Amino acid sequence: MHQHKLSRCRIYTGSSFSLEAGGAMTEHSEVWNLHLVYQLSHIPPGFDEDVLRRVRAIEGVTSVAVVPSYDAAAHLAFSTRYANVVGAAVEAKQCLQEAIDAHNATLWWWQRKVRLVDESTVRKVA
C-alpha cells in the first residue's frame, strides 16, 4: 500500500479549486467526497441532471448526487479516490462549462442565456 503524508496544505488547479488535507496519512485508495458548487443566473429545466450525467462519466468518479443547498448555489456531490481528486475536480468544472455552452447553443439570440454568477468551485466535504 502506497501512502503519502500530507502536511496542512491546499491543492490549487486554477483560481477557484482548493482542497485541504490534514496531517494524517492518506492512502491512494481513500475515497474523497467533493462538492461542485456553482451559482447560475437561472437554472433551466434539466440543467442539473445534465451536469450530473456529465460528471458521472468522469473516470474514477464512484458516485454523484445533487445535494440540497441552504444558499442560492447548486451543490453536486461526487466521490473519487484520492489519486484522482485533482483530475476529477478539474474535469467536473469543465463538465459544468460544457453543459452551460451546450444549453446556450440551443437558444435564439433574444432568449436569456445561462451564465455563472460567480466562479464555480470544488470543495472537499467530510
Foldseek 3Di string as FASTA:
>chain_A
DDKDFDDFDWDDDPDAETETDHRDIADQQDKWKKKWKFAKPDADPPLVVQLQVQLVPDPFWDDWDWDDDPDRITIIIIMGGPNCVVVSQVSSLVSNVVSQVVVQVPDDPPDDGMDTPDRIYMYTDD
